[in-house]
C-alpha atoms as a PDB file:
ATOM      1  CA  MET A   1     -52.321  95.538 -23.156  1.00  0.00           C
ATOM      2  CA  GLY A   2     -52.203  91.641 -23.318  1.00  0.00           C
ATOM      3  CA  LEU A   3     -50.799  89.086 -20.967  1.00  0.00           C
ATOM      4  CA  ILE A   4     -47.674  88.699 -23.129  1.00  0.00           C
ATOM      5  CA  ALA A   5     -47.158  92.228 -23.440  1.00  0.00           C
ATOM      6  CA  ARG A   6     -47.537  92.498 -19.737  1.00  0.00           C
ATOM      7  CA  VAL A   7     -45.059  89.758 -18.820  1.00  0.00           C
ATOM      8  CA  ARG A   8     -42.450  91.073 -21.312  1.00  0.00           C
ATOM      9  CA  LYS A   9     -42.933  94.341 -19.900  1.00  0.00           C
ATOM     10  CA  GLU A  10     -42.905  93.212 -15.902  1.00  0.00           C
ATOM     11  CA  TRP A  11     -40.418  90.400 -16.477  1.00  0.00           C
ATOM     12  CA  PHE A  12     -38.056  91.579 -13.894  1.00  0.00           C
ATOM     13  CA  ILE A  13     -40.542  91.973 -11.213  1.00  0.00           C
ATOM     14  CA  ILE A  14     -41.844  88.522 -12.063  1.00  0.00           C
ATOM     15  CA  GLY A  15     -38.312  87.063 -12.353  1.00  0.00           C
ATOM     16  CA  ILE A  16     -37.880  88.658  -8.601  1.00  0.00           C
ATOM     17  CA  VAL A  17     -40.842  86.298  -7.330  1.00  0.00           C
ATOM     18  CA  LEU A  18     -39.497  83.464  -9.029  1.00  0.00           C
ATOM     19  CA  VAL A  19     -36.004  83.485  -7.658  1.00  0.00           C
ATOM     20  CA  ILE A  20     -37.425  84.193  -4.130  1.00  0.00           C
ATOM     21  CA  THR A  21     -40.093  81.037  -4.342  1.00  0.00           C
ATOM     22  CA  CYS A  22     -37.063  79.065  -5.679  1.00  0.00           C
ATOM     23  CA  ALA A  23     -34.671  80.143  -2.844  1.00  0.00           C
ATOM     24  CA  LYS A  24     -37.555  78.975  -0.626  1.00  0.00           C
ATOM     25  CA  LEU A  25     -38.098  75.846  -1.758  1.00  0.00           C
ATOM     26  CA  ALA A  26     -34.590  74.968  -2.254  1.00  0.00           C
ATOM     27  CA  PRO A  27     -31.958  77.071  -0.330  1.00  0.00           C
ATOM     28  CA  SER A  28     -29.229  74.850  -0.273  1.00  0.00           C
ATOM     29  CA  VAL A  29     -28.686  75.152  -4.057  1.00  0.00           C
ATOM     30  CA  GLY A  30     -27.594  78.830  -3.793  1.00  0.00           C
ATOM     31  CA  VAL A  31     -25.832  78.848  -0.182  1.00  0.00           C
ATOM     32  CA  LYS A  32     -21.861  78.976   0.490  1.00  0.00           C
ATOM     33  CA  GLY A  33     -20.610  75.695  -0.596  1.00  0.00           C
ATOM     34  CA  GLY A  34     -23.723  74.869  -2.450  1.00  0.00           C
ATOM     35  CA  PRO A  35     -23.891  73.598  -6.075  1.00  0.00           C
ATOM     36  CA  LEU A  36     -23.956  77.241  -7.561  1.00  0.00           C
ATOM     37  CA  ARG A  37     -20.455  78.279  -5.464  1.00  0.00           C
ATOM     38  CA  PRO A  38     -21.810  81.923  -4.808  1.00  0.00           C
ATOM     39  CA  GLU A  39     -18.415  82.566  -2.854  1.00  0.00           C
ATOM     40  CA  ILE A  40     -17.150  82.497  -6.459  1.00  0.00           C
ATOM     41  CA  THR A  41     -20.090  83.126  -9.214  1.00  0.00           C
ATOM     42  CA  ILE A  42     -21.237  85.976  -7.137  1.00  0.00           C
ATOM     43  CA  THR A  43     -18.463  87.564  -5.340  1.00  0.00           C
ATOM     44  CA  TYR A  44     -16.214  87.390  -8.038  1.00  0.00           C
ATOM     45  CA  VAL A  45     -17.935  86.555 -11.235  1.00  0.00           C
ATOM     46  CA  ALA A  46     -21.200  88.382 -11.214  1.00  0.00           C
ATOM     47  CA  VAL A  47     -19.913  91.445  -9.746  1.00  0.00           C
ATOM     48  CA  SER A  48     -17.040  91.444 -12.000  1.00  0.00           C
ATOM     49  CA  VAL A  49     -19.554  91.104 -15.045  1.00  0.00           C
ATOM     50  CA  ILE A  50     -21.681  93.996 -13.643  1.00  0.00           C
ATOM     51  CA  PHE A  51     -18.741  96.364 -13.740  1.00  0.00           C
ATOM     52  CA  PHE A  52     -17.281  95.006 -16.992  1.00  0.00           C
ATOM     53  CA  ASN A  53     -20.846  95.518 -18.436  1.00  0.00           C
ATOM     54  CA  SER A  54     -20.921  99.161 -17.047  1.00  0.00           C
ATOM     55  CA  GLY A  55     -17.313  99.809 -18.447  1.00  0.00           C
ATOM     56  CA  LEU A  56     -18.367  98.667 -22.048  1.00  0.00           C
ATOM     57  CA  SER A  57     -21.757 100.560 -21.982  1.00  0.00           C
ATOM     58  CA  LEU A  58     -20.682 103.645 -20.209  1.00  0.00           C
ATOM     59  CA  LYS A  59     -19.110 106.526 -22.219  1.00  0.00           C
ATOM     60  CA  THR A  60     -15.454 107.476 -21.101  1.00  0.00           C
ATOM     61  CA  GLU A  61     -16.503 111.193 -21.097  1.00  0.00           C
ATOM     62  CA  GLU A  62     -19.329 110.733 -18.814  1.00  0.00           C
ATOM     63  CA  LEU A  63     -17.744 108.462 -16.292  1.00  0.00           C
ATOM     64  CA  ALA A  64     -14.930 111.422 -16.385  1.00  0.00           C
ATOM     65  CA  SER A  65     -17.484 114.011 -15.467  1.00  0.00           C
ATOM     66  CA  ALA A  66     -18.710 112.014 -12.248  1.00  0.00           C
ATOM     67  CA  LEU A  67     -15.503 112.105 -10.769  1.00  0.00           C
ATOM     68  CA  MET A  68     -15.849 116.178 -10.637  1.00  0.00           C
ATOM     69  CA  HIS A  69     -19.418 116.018  -9.294  1.00  0.00           C
ATOM     70  CA  VAL A  70     -17.981 116.740  -5.537  1.00  0.00           C
ATOM     71  CA  LYS A  71     -21.415 118.039  -4.291  1.00  0.00           C
ATOM     72  CA  LEU A  72     -23.135 114.627  -4.887  1.00  0.00           C
ATOM     73  CA  HIS A  73     -20.370 112.395  -3.679  1.00  0.00           C
ATOM     74  CA  PHE A  74     -20.222 114.053  -0.616  1.00  0.00           C
ATOM     75  CA  PHE A  75     -24.015 113.966  -0.086  1.00  0.00           C
ATOM     76  CA  VAL A  76     -23.918 110.326  -0.698  1.00  0.00           C
ATOM     77  CA  GLN A  77     -21.218 109.432   1.418  1.00  0.00           C
ATOM     78  CA  THR A  78     -21.915 111.655   4.443  1.00  0.00           C
ATOM     79  CA  PHE A  79     -25.269 110.305   4.591  1.00  0.00           C
ATOM     80  CA  THR A  80     -24.050 106.527   4.187  1.00  0.00           C
ATOM     81  CA  LEU A  81     -21.317 106.838   6.692  1.00  0.00           C
ATOM     82  CA  VAL A  82     -22.294 109.717   9.273  1.00  0.00           C
ATOM     83  CA  PHE A  83     -26.005 110.566   9.064  1.00  0.00           C
ATOM     84  CA  PHE A  84     -27.246 106.959   8.496  1.00  0.00           C
ATOM     85  CA  PRO A  85     -25.305 105.358  11.825  1.00  0.00           C
ATOM     86  CA  ILE A  86     -25.979 108.360  14.018  1.00  0.00           C
ATOM     87  CA  ALA A  87     -29.846 108.154  13.057  1.00  0.00           C
ATOM     88  CA  ILE A  88     -30.308 104.538  13.526  1.00  0.00           C
ATOM     89  CA  TRP A  89     -28.364 104.897  16.907  1.00  0.00           C
ATOM     90  CA  LEU A  90     -30.861 107.535  18.203  1.00  0.00           C
ATOM     91  CA  LEU A  91     -33.616 105.279  16.991  1.00  0.00           C
ATOM     92  CA  LEU A  92     -32.305 102.348  18.998  1.00  0.00           C
ATOM     93  CA  LYS A  93     -32.164 104.499  21.996  1.00  0.00           C
ATOM     94  CA  VAL A  94     -35.888 104.389  21.986  1.00  0.00           C
ATOM     95  CA  LEU A  95     -36.221 100.959  20.623  1.00  0.00           C
ATOM     96  CA  ALA A  96     -34.227  99.664  23.588  1.00  0.00           C
ATOM     97  CA  LEU A  97     -36.925 100.643  25.935  1.00  0.00           C
ATOM     98  CA  THR A  98     -39.330  97.860  24.020  1.00  0.00           C
ATOM     99  CA  ALA A  99     -39.165  94.031  24.580  1.00  0.00           C
ATOM    100  CA  ILE A 100     -37.185  93.720  21.297  1.00  0.00           C
ATOM    101  CA  ASN A 101     -34.220  91.387  21.389  1.00  0.00           C
ATOM    102  CA  GLU A 102     -30.972  93.416  22.149  1.00  0.00           C
ATOM    103  CA  TRP A 103     -28.743  91.057  19.638  1.00  0.00           C
ATOM    104  CA  LEU A 104     -31.412  92.287  17.189  1.00  0.00           C
ATOM    105  CA  LEU A 105     -30.825  95.959  17.895  1.00  0.00           C
ATOM    106  CA  ARG A 106     -27.265  95.467  17.648  1.00  0.00           C
ATOM    107  CA  GLY A 107     -27.760  93.924  14.429  1.00  0.00           C
ATOM    108  CA  LEU A 108     -29.779  97.249  13.235  1.00  0.00           C
ATOM    109  CA  GLN A 109     -26.895  99.052  14.371  1.00  0.00           C
ATOM    110  CA  THR A 110     -24.246  97.204  12.026  1.00  0.00           C
ATOM    111  CA  VAL A 111     -26.456  97.583   9.273  1.00  0.00           C
ATOM    112  CA  ALA A 112     -26.173 101.309   9.668  1.00  0.00           C
ATOM    113  CA  CYS A 113     -22.559 101.252   9.439  1.00  0.00           C
ATOM    114  CA  MET A 114     -22.053  99.032   6.432  1.00  0.00           C
ATOM    115  CA  PRO A 115     -20.769 100.504   3.543  1.00  0.00           C
ATOM    116  CA  PRO A 116     -22.794 100.751  -0.179  1.00  0.00           C
ATOM    117  CA  PRO A 117     -22.920  97.640  -2.450  1.00  0.00           C
ATOM    118  CA  VAL A 118     -20.824  97.499  -5.491  1.00  0.00           C
ATOM    119  CA  SER A 119     -23.705  95.970  -7.708  1.00  0.00           C
ATOM    120  CA  SER A 120     -27.427  96.362  -6.872  1.00  0.00           C
ATOM    121  CA  ALA A 121     -27.179 100.201  -6.517  1.00  0.00           C
ATOM    122  CA  VAL A 122     -25.551 100.404  -9.993  1.00  0.00           C
ATOM    123  CA  ILE A 123     -27.775  98.500 -11.699  1.00  0.00           C
ATOM    124  CA  LEU A 124     -31.147  99.873 -10.355  1.00  0.00           C
ATOM    125  CA  THR A 125     -29.978 103.174 -11.093  1.00  0.00           C
ATOM    126  CA  LYS A 126     -28.952 102.004 -14.731  1.00  0.00           C
ATOM    127  CA  SER A 127     -32.458 100.490 -14.967  1.00  0.00           C
ATOM    128  CA  VAL A 128     -34.323 103.876 -14.159  1.00  0.00           C
ATOM    129  CA  GLY A 129     -31.870 105.893 -16.587  1.00  0.00           C
ATOM    130  CA  GLY A 130     -30.291 107.724 -13.643  1.00  0.00           C
ATOM    131  CA  ASN A 131     -26.490 109.012 -13.589  1.00  0.00           C
ATOM    132  CA  GLU A 132     -25.028 105.437 -13.956  1.00  0.00           C
ATOM    133  CA  ALA A 133     -21.473 107.097 -13.808  1.00  0.00           C
ATOM    134  CA  ALA A 134     -21.932 108.634 -10.476  1.00  0.00           C
ATOM    135  CA  ALA A 135     -23.562 105.207  -9.190  1.00  0.00           C
ATOM    136  CA  ILE A 136     -20.547 103.406 -10.216  1.00  0.00           C
ATOM    137  CA  PHE A 137     -18.071 106.121  -8.617  1.00  0.00           C
ATOM    138  CA  ASN A 138     -19.918 106.039  -5.485  1.00  0.00           C
ATOM    139  CA  SER A 139     -20.571 102.154  -4.997  1.00  0.00           C
ATOM    140  CA  ALA A 140     -16.554 101.626  -5.553  1.00  0.00           C
ATOM    141  CA  PHE A 141     -15.335 104.735  -3.574  1.00  0.00           C
ATOM    142  CA  GLY A 142     -17.883 103.881  -0.893  1.00  0.00           C
ATOM    143  CA  SER A 143     -16.911 100.251  -0.696  1.00  0.00           C
ATOM    144  CA  PHE A 144     -13.308 101.305  -0.459  1.00  0.00           C
ATOM    145  CA  LEU A 145     -14.054 103.812   2.451  1.00  0.00           C
ATOM    146  CA  GLY A 146     -16.272 101.385   4.273  1.00  0.00           C
ATOM    147  CA  ILE A 147     -12.824  98.934   4.630  1.00  0.00           C
ATOM    148  CA  VAL A 148     -11.531 101.694   7.097  1.00  0.00           C
ATOM    149  CA  PHE A 149     -14.819 103.079   8.601  1.00  0.00           C
ATOM    150  CA  THR A 150     -17.093 100.362   8.958  1.00  0.00           C
ATOM    151  CA  PRO A 151     -15.121  98.785  11.774  1.00  0.00           C
ATOM    152  CA  LEU A 152     -14.260 101.910  13.139  1.00  0.00           C
ATOM    153  CA  LEU A 153     -18.177 102.752  13.194  1.00  0.00           C
ATOM    154  CA  LEU A 154     -18.881  99.486  14.945  1.00  0.00           C
ATOM    155  CA  LEU A 155     -15.892 100.390  17.679  1.00  0.00           C
ATOM    156  CA  VAL A 156     -17.590 103.593  18.074  1.00  0.00           C
ATOM    157  CA  PHE A 157     -21.351 102.296  18.403  1.00  0.00           C
ATOM    158  CA  LEU A 158     -20.852  98.690  19.645  1.00  0.00           C
ATOM    159  CA  GLY A 159     -17.359  98.789  21.227  1.00  0.00           C
ATOM    160  CA  SER A 160     -16.326  95.919  19.228  1.00  0.00           C
ATOM    161  CA  SER A 161     -13.031  95.661  17.415  1.00  0.00           C
ATOM    162  CA  SER A 162     -10.683  93.454  15.956  1.00  0.00           C
ATOM    163  CA  SER A 163      -7.912  93.275  12.940  1.00  0.00           C
ATOM    164  CA  VAL A 164      -9.496  93.532   9.473  1.00  0.00           C
ATOM    165  CA  PRO A 165      -7.505  92.304   6.748  1.00  0.00           C
ATOM    166  CA  PHE A 166      -7.626  95.384   4.764  1.00  0.00           C
ATOM    167  CA  SER A 167      -5.103  93.953   2.095  1.00  0.00           C
ATOM    168  CA  SER A 168      -7.422  91.325   1.218  1.00  0.00           C
ATOM    169  CA  ILE A 169     -10.702  93.192   0.983  1.00  0.00           C
ATOM    170  CA  PHE A 170      -8.863  95.978  -0.744  1.00  0.00           C
ATOM    171  CA  SER A 171      -7.758  93.603  -3.446  1.00  0.00           C
ATOM    172  CA  GLN A 172     -10.825  91.576  -3.905  1.00  0.00           C
ATOM    173  CA  LEU A 173     -12.633  95.466  -4.655  1.00  0.00           C
ATOM    174  CA  PHE A 174      -9.890  96.104  -6.686  1.00  0.00           C
ATOM    175  CA  MET A 175     -10.133  92.585  -8.942  1.00  0.00           C
ATOM    176  CA  THR A 176     -13.969  92.807  -9.106  1.00  0.00           C
ATOM    177  CA  VAL A 177     -14.543  96.472  -9.528  1.00  0.00           C
ATOM    178  CA  VAL A 178     -11.851  98.498 -10.780  1.00  0.00           C
ATOM    179  CA  VAL A 179     -10.131  96.090 -13.103  1.00  0.00           C
ATOM    180  CA  PRO A 180     -13.458  94.893 -14.903  1.00  0.00           C
ATOM    181  CA  LEU A 181     -14.546  98.662 -15.391  1.00  0.00           C
ATOM    182  CA  ILE A 182     -11.227  99.489 -16.852  1.00  0.00           C
ATOM    183  CA  VAL A 183     -11.420  96.377 -19.195  1.00  0.00           C
ATOM    184  CA  GLY A 184     -14.709  97.362 -20.397  1.00  0.00           C
ATOM    185  CA  GLN A 185     -13.585 100.900 -21.110  1.00  0.00           C
ATOM    186  CA  VAL A 186     -10.591  99.598 -22.903  1.00  0.00           C
ATOM    187  CA  CYS A 187     -12.763  97.191 -24.972  1.00  0.00           C
ATOM    188  CA  ARG A 188     -15.278  99.897 -25.654  1.00  0.00           C
ATOM    189  CA  ARG A 189     -12.646 101.947 -27.153  1.00  0.00           C
ATOM    190  CA  PHE A 190     -12.036  99.236 -30.011  1.00  0.00           C
ATOM    191  CA  LEU A 191     -16.018  98.322 -30.241  1.00  0.00           C
ATOM    192  CA  ARG A 192     -17.551 101.641 -29.830  1.00  0.00           C
ATOM    193  CA  GLU A 193     -18.795 101.903 -33.486  1.00  0.00           C
ATOM    194  CA  CYS A 194     -20.147  98.221 -33.377  1.00  0.00           C
ATOM    195  CA  LEU A 195     -21.923  98.882 -29.926  1.00  0.00           C
ATOM    196  CA  ASP A 196     -23.462 102.046 -31.077  1.00  0.00           C
ATOM    197  CA  ARG A 197     -24.902 100.352 -34.141  1.00  0.00           C
ATOM    198  CA  ARG A 198     -25.854  96.904 -32.651  1.00  0.00           C
ATOM    199  CA  LYS A 199     -27.008  98.585 -29.038  1.00  0.00           C
ATOM    200  CA  PRO A 200     -26.744  95.260 -27.082  1.00  0.00           C
ATOM    201  CA  PRO A 201     -29.059  94.815 -24.180  1.00  0.00           C
ATOM    202  CA  PHE A 202     -26.544  96.086 -21.386  1.00  0.00           C
ATOM    203  CA  GLY A 203     -29.634  96.717 -18.921  1.00  0.00           C
ATOM    204  CA  THR A 204     -31.099  92.805 -19.637  1.00  0.00           C
ATOM    205  CA  VAL A 205     -27.710  91.363 -19.094  1.00  0.00           C
ATOM    206  CA  SER A 206     -27.459  93.471 -15.515  1.00  0.00           C
ATOM    207  CA  SER A 207     -30.800  92.729 -14.476  1.00  0.00           C
ATOM    208  CA  VAL A 208     -30.313  88.829 -15.013  1.00  0.00           C
ATOM    209  CA  VAL A 209     -27.103  88.948 -12.947  1.00  0.00           C
ATOM    210  CA  LEU A 210     -28.885  90.968 -10.351  1.00  0.00           C
ATOM    211  CA  LEU A 211     -31.631  88.085 -10.158  1.00  0.00           C
ATOM    212  CA  MET A 212     -28.995  85.770  -9.391  1.00  0.00           C
ATOM    213  CA  ILE A 213     -27.621  87.738  -6.677  1.00  0.00           C
ATOM    214  CA  ILE A 214     -31.082  88.106  -4.928  1.00  0.00           C
ATOM    215  CA  TYR A 215     -31.575  84.296  -5.533  1.00  0.00           C
ATOM    216  CA  THR A 216     -28.147  83.561  -3.496  1.00  0.00           C
ATOM    217  CA  THR A 217     -28.967  86.178  -0.985  1.00  0.00           C
ATOM    218  CA  PHE A 218     -32.335  84.748  -0.448  1.00  0.00           C
ATOM    219  CA  CYS A 219     -30.872  81.248  -0.103  1.00  0.00           C
ATOM    220  CA  ASP A 220     -28.671  82.250   2.623  1.00  0.00           C
ATOM    221  CA  THR A 221     -31.551  83.765   4.404  1.00  0.00           C
ATOM    222  CA  PHE A 222     -33.965  80.936   3.990  1.00  0.00           C
ATOM    223  CA  SER A 223     -31.281  78.326   5.149  1.00  0.00           C
ATOM    224  CA  ASN A 224     -30.253  80.232   8.348  1.00  0.00           C
ATOM    225  CA  PRO A 225     -32.214  78.508  11.228  1.00  0.00           C
ATOM    226  CA  ASN A 226     -31.819  81.783  13.148  1.00  0.00           C
ATOM    227  CA  ILE A 227     -34.130  83.713  10.654  1.00  0.00           C
ATOM    228  CA  GLU A 228     -37.211  83.075  13.015  1.00  0.00           C
ATOM    229  CA  LEU A 229     -38.369  86.496  13.885  1.00  0.00           C
ATOM    230  CA  ASP A 230     -41.616  88.146  14.985  1.00  0.00           C
ATOM    231  CA  HIS A 231     -43.779  90.171  13.084  1.00  0.00           C
ATOM    232  CA  LEU A 232     -42.931  93.391  14.737  1.00  0.00           C
ATOM    233  CA  SER A 233     -39.053  92.873  14.445  1.00  0.00           C
ATOM    234  CA  LEU A 234     -39.449  92.213  10.546  1.00  0.00           C
ATOM    235  CA  LEU A 235     -41.851  95.417  10.164  1.00  0.00           C
ATOM    236  CA  ILE A 236     -38.914  97.507  11.964  1.00  0.00           C
ATOM    237  CA  VAL A 237     -36.547  96.579   9.517  1.00  0.00           C
ATOM    238  CA  ILE A 238     -38.967  97.010   6.562  1.00  0.00           C
ATOM    239  CA  PHE A 239     -39.933 100.482   7.963  1.00  0.00           C
ATOM    240  CA  ILE A 240     -36.226 101.856   8.181  1.00  0.00           C
ATOM    241  CA  SER A 241     -35.638 100.332   4.965  1.00  0.00           C
ATOM    242  CA  GLU A 242     -38.755 102.330   3.234  1.00  0.00           C
ATOM    243  CA  ASN A 243     -38.042 105.526   5.399  1.00  0.00           C
ATOM    244  CA  THR A 244     -34.500 105.778   3.921  1.00  0.00           C
ATOM    245  CA  PHE A 245     -35.715 106.019   0.383  1.00  0.00           C
ATOM    246  CA  VAL A 246     -38.366 108.647   1.431  1.00  0.00           C
ATOM    247  CA  PHE A 247     -35.719 110.793   3.016  1.00  0.00           C
ATOM    248  CA  CYS A 248     -33.392 110.500   0.109  1.00  0.00           C
ATOM    249  CA  HIS A 249     -36.291 111.770  -2.066  1.00  0.00           C
ATOM    250  CA  SER A 250     -35.227 115.137  -0.500  1.00  0.00           C
ATOM    251  CA  GLY A 251     -32.477 115.159  -2.986  1.00  0.00           C
ATOM    252  CA  LYS A 252     -34.575 115.950  -5.729  1.00  0.00           C
ATOM    253  CA  SER A 253     -34.978 119.629  -4.212  1.00  0.00           C
ATOM    254  CA  SER A 254     -31.597 120.038  -2.863  1.00  0.00           C
ATOM    255  CA  GLY A 255     -30.276 121.308  -6.137  1.00  0.00           C
ATOM    256  CA  PHE A 256     -29.616 118.186  -7.793  1.00  0.00           C
ATOM    257  CA  THR A 257     -30.653 116.931 -11.439  1.00  0.00           C
ATOM    258  CA  ALA A 258     -33.374 114.202 -11.454  1.00  0.00           C
ATOM    259  CA  ALA A 259     -30.780 111.727 -12.865  1.00  0.00           C
ATOM    260  CA  ASP A 260     -28.619 112.461  -9.813  1.00  0.00           C
ATOM    261  CA  SER A 261     -31.255 112.113  -7.489  1.00  0.00           C
ATOM    262  CA  VAL A 262     -31.834 108.284  -8.576  1.00  0.00           C
ATOM    263  CA  ALA A 263     -28.086 107.581  -7.870  1.00  0.00           C
ATOM    264  CA  ILE A 264     -28.415 109.308  -4.409  1.00  0.00           C
ATOM    265  CA  MET A 265     -31.669 107.276  -3.587  1.00  0.00           C
ATOM    266  CA  PHE A 266     -29.894 103.881  -4.364  1.00  0.00           C
ATOM    267  CA  CYS A 267     -26.260 104.771  -3.652  1.00  0.00           C
ATOM    268  CA  ALA A 268     -27.433 106.276  -0.283  1.00  0.00           C
ATOM    269  CA  THR A 269     -29.592 103.912   1.328  1.00  0.00           C
ATOM    270  CA  HIS A 270     -28.448 100.395   0.269  1.00  0.00           C
ATOM    271  CA  LYS A 271     -26.109  98.477   2.257  1.00  0.00           C
ATOM    272  CA  SER A 272     -23.273  95.714   1.336  1.00  0.00           C
ATOM    273  CA  LEU A 273     -24.391  92.210   2.175  1.00  0.00           C
ATOM    274  CA  THR A 274     -21.091  90.553   0.438  1.00  0.00           C
ATOM    275  CA  LEU A 275     -18.974  93.101   2.351  1.00  0.00           C
ATOM    276  CA  GLY A 276     -20.997  93.260   5.151  1.00  0.00           C
ATOM    277  CA  ILE A 277     -21.200  89.693   6.435  1.00  0.00           C
ATOM    278  CA  PRO A 278     -17.309  88.923   6.038  1.00  0.00           C
ATOM    279  CA  MET A 279     -16.810  91.829   8.179  1.00  0.00           C
ATOM    280  CA  LEU A 280     -19.437  90.790  10.751  1.00  0.00           C
ATOM    281  CA  LYS A 281     -17.555  87.607  10.918  1.00  0.00           C
ATOM    282  CA  ILE A 282     -14.339  89.169  11.662  1.00  0.00           C
ATOM    283  CA  VAL A 283     -15.457  91.846  14.009  1.00  0.00           C
ATOM    284  CA  PHE A 284     -17.601  89.826  15.935  1.00  0.00           C
ATOM    285  CA  GLU A 285     -15.373  86.421  15.699  1.00  0.00           C
ATOM    286  CA  GLY A 286     -16.315  84.203  18.656  1.00  0.00           C
ATOM    287  CA  TYR A 287     -19.545  86.138  19.535  1.00  0.00           C
ATOM    288  CA  GLU A 288     -22.379  83.681  20.780  1.00  0.00           C
ATOM    289  CA  HIS A 289     -25.151  85.783  18.922  1.00  0.00           C
ATOM    290  CA  LEU A 290     -23.083  86.519  15.714  1.00  0.00           C
ATOM    291  CA  SER A 291     -26.062  85.101  13.380  1.00  0.00           C
ATOM    292  CA  LEU A 292     -28.559  87.040  15.196  1.00  0.00           C
ATOM    293  CA  ILE A 293     -26.669  90.091  15.020  1.00  0.00           C
ATOM    294  CA  SER A 294     -26.704  88.844  11.183  1.00  0.00           C
ATOM    295  CA  VAL A 295     -30.159  88.817  10.703  1.00  0.00           C
ATOM    296  CA  PRO A 296     -31.092  92.666  10.217  1.00  0.00           C
ATOM    297  CA  LEU A 297     -28.527  92.896   7.323  1.00  0.00           C
ATOM    298  CA  LEU A 298     -29.795  89.723   5.568  1.00  0.00           C
ATOM    299  CA  ILE A 299     -33.519  90.809   5.554  1.00  0.00           C
ATOM    300  CA  TYR A 300     -32.155  94.699   4.879  1.00  0.00           C
ATOM    301  CA  HIS A 301     -30.213  93.915   1.853  1.00  0.00           C
ATOM    302  CA  PRO A 302     -32.641  91.947  -0.077  1.00  0.00           C
ATOM    303  CA  ALA A 303     -35.583  94.285   1.174  1.00  0.00           C
ATOM    304  CA  GLN A 304     -33.919  96.870  -0.599  1.00  0.00           C
ATOM    305  CA  ILE A 305     -33.436  95.466  -3.704  1.00  0.00           C
ATOM    306  CA  LEU A 306     -37.133  94.416  -3.857  1.00  0.00           C
ATOM    307  CA  LEU A 307     -38.010  97.832  -2.506  1.00  0.00           C
ATOM    308  CA  GLY A 308     -36.328  99.624  -5.290  1.00  0.00           C
ATOM    309  CA  SER A 309     -37.181  96.981  -8.286  1.00  0.00           C
ATOM    310  CA  ILE A 310     -40.891  97.617  -7.072  1.00  0.00           C
ATOM    311  CA  LEU A 311     -40.299 101.456  -7.211  1.00  0.00           C
ATOM    312  CA  LEU A 312     -38.602 101.261 -10.511  1.00  0.00           C
ATOM    313  CA  PRO A 313     -41.709 102.586 -12.580  1.00  0.00           C
ATOM    314  CA  SER A 314     -43.013 105.316 -10.580  1.00  0.00           C
ATOM    315  CA  ILE A 315     -39.241 106.461 -10.108  1.00  0.00           C
ATOM    316  CA  LYS A 316     -38.687 106.163 -13.904  1.00  0.00           C
ATOM    317  CA  THR A 317     -42.131 108.233 -14.634  1.00  0.00           C
ATOM    318  CA  TRP A 318     -41.100 110.649 -11.900  1.00  0.00           C
ATOM    319  CA  MET A 319     -37.798 111.095 -13.664  1.00  0.00           C
ATOM    320  CA  SER A 320     -39.497 111.511 -17.265  1.00  0.00           C
ATOM    321  CA  GLY A 321     -41.571 114.146 -15.862  1.00  0.00           C
ATOM    322  CA  ARG A 322     -38.555 115.997 -14.312  1.00  0.00           C
ATOM    323  CA  GLN A 323     -36.826 116.073 -17.328  1.00  0.00           C
ATOM    324  CA  LYS A 324     -39.627 117.318 -19.469  1.00  0.00           C
ATOM    325  CA  VAL A 325     -40.021 120.177 -17.229  1.00  0.00           C
ATOM    326  CA  ALA A 326     -36.177 120.987 -17.078  1.00  0.00           C
ATOM    327  CA  ARG A 327     -36.184 120.853 -21.047  1.00  0.00           C
ATOM    328  CA  THR A 328     -39.152 123.360 -21.370  1.00  0.00           C
ATOM    329  CA  PRO A 329     -38.197 127.004 -22.322  1.00  0.00           C
ATOM    330  CA  ILE A 330     -39.253 129.431 -19.507  1.00  0.00           C
END
């Protein structure tokens, strides 16, 4: 395979390296309040574009059938909001005996209590050819559940509580997820023949938007003066990130199809940065160590996106093999 062909095939991974490098060299460009205004362009525009794109490309009957996939939804939401927080809580009981900073450990627990994101899991699932409809439903539904359950989980595990502006978070999710998805579906009804004939590059558009999200996420990470962590702390966060993916691979032997397993892998393990950081600022308002508590989430989310992106080729190969086996007559 020639160099140009290789670049075209691996352009997304190359793009990840480039945007992270740019974020390291000039983090001020993509931070909140910077020239790119990510608090608007990412939080509202980028997320809306992703779900409008999904609504435009997703067949209505596929989304409707996804709503009835109760077993998959129950597995994802139970893993995200029950198993994950409890498992990390037990792990931190052991890590508390080490010399790791107490506030960093609290930060790891806050990561476990966070809801799934409303963008990256959908994009990665779509990139592999997994059950995009199920990913959309679980990302949106999980985010709505997180508005109520995340503050409660923080109260249970960390003893912190505060008044959370449910109405403003709910309205933001409605405007950036539900409305664009519905608008996309409505547009598809009028443009179906044109879309089927021309086959627009929906996956490429979503991938470009994801690169924007990765860039601004790393800008926040590199611009934070409290990101100076020792190598052991970084290894712990990366270890947890990787092993959650390993556990979710068990979904492929638990009665789920290959496409469903892909949706589970990404939806059940990703944690929302765009919802998480505002919630942390609300729940831990006035905490002297708020920035240190935020560090694991700032690391975990981009680490999950990076790991998911790197695993895309191998997951796609595994999925193709499973589908061939499923189609083979006995």
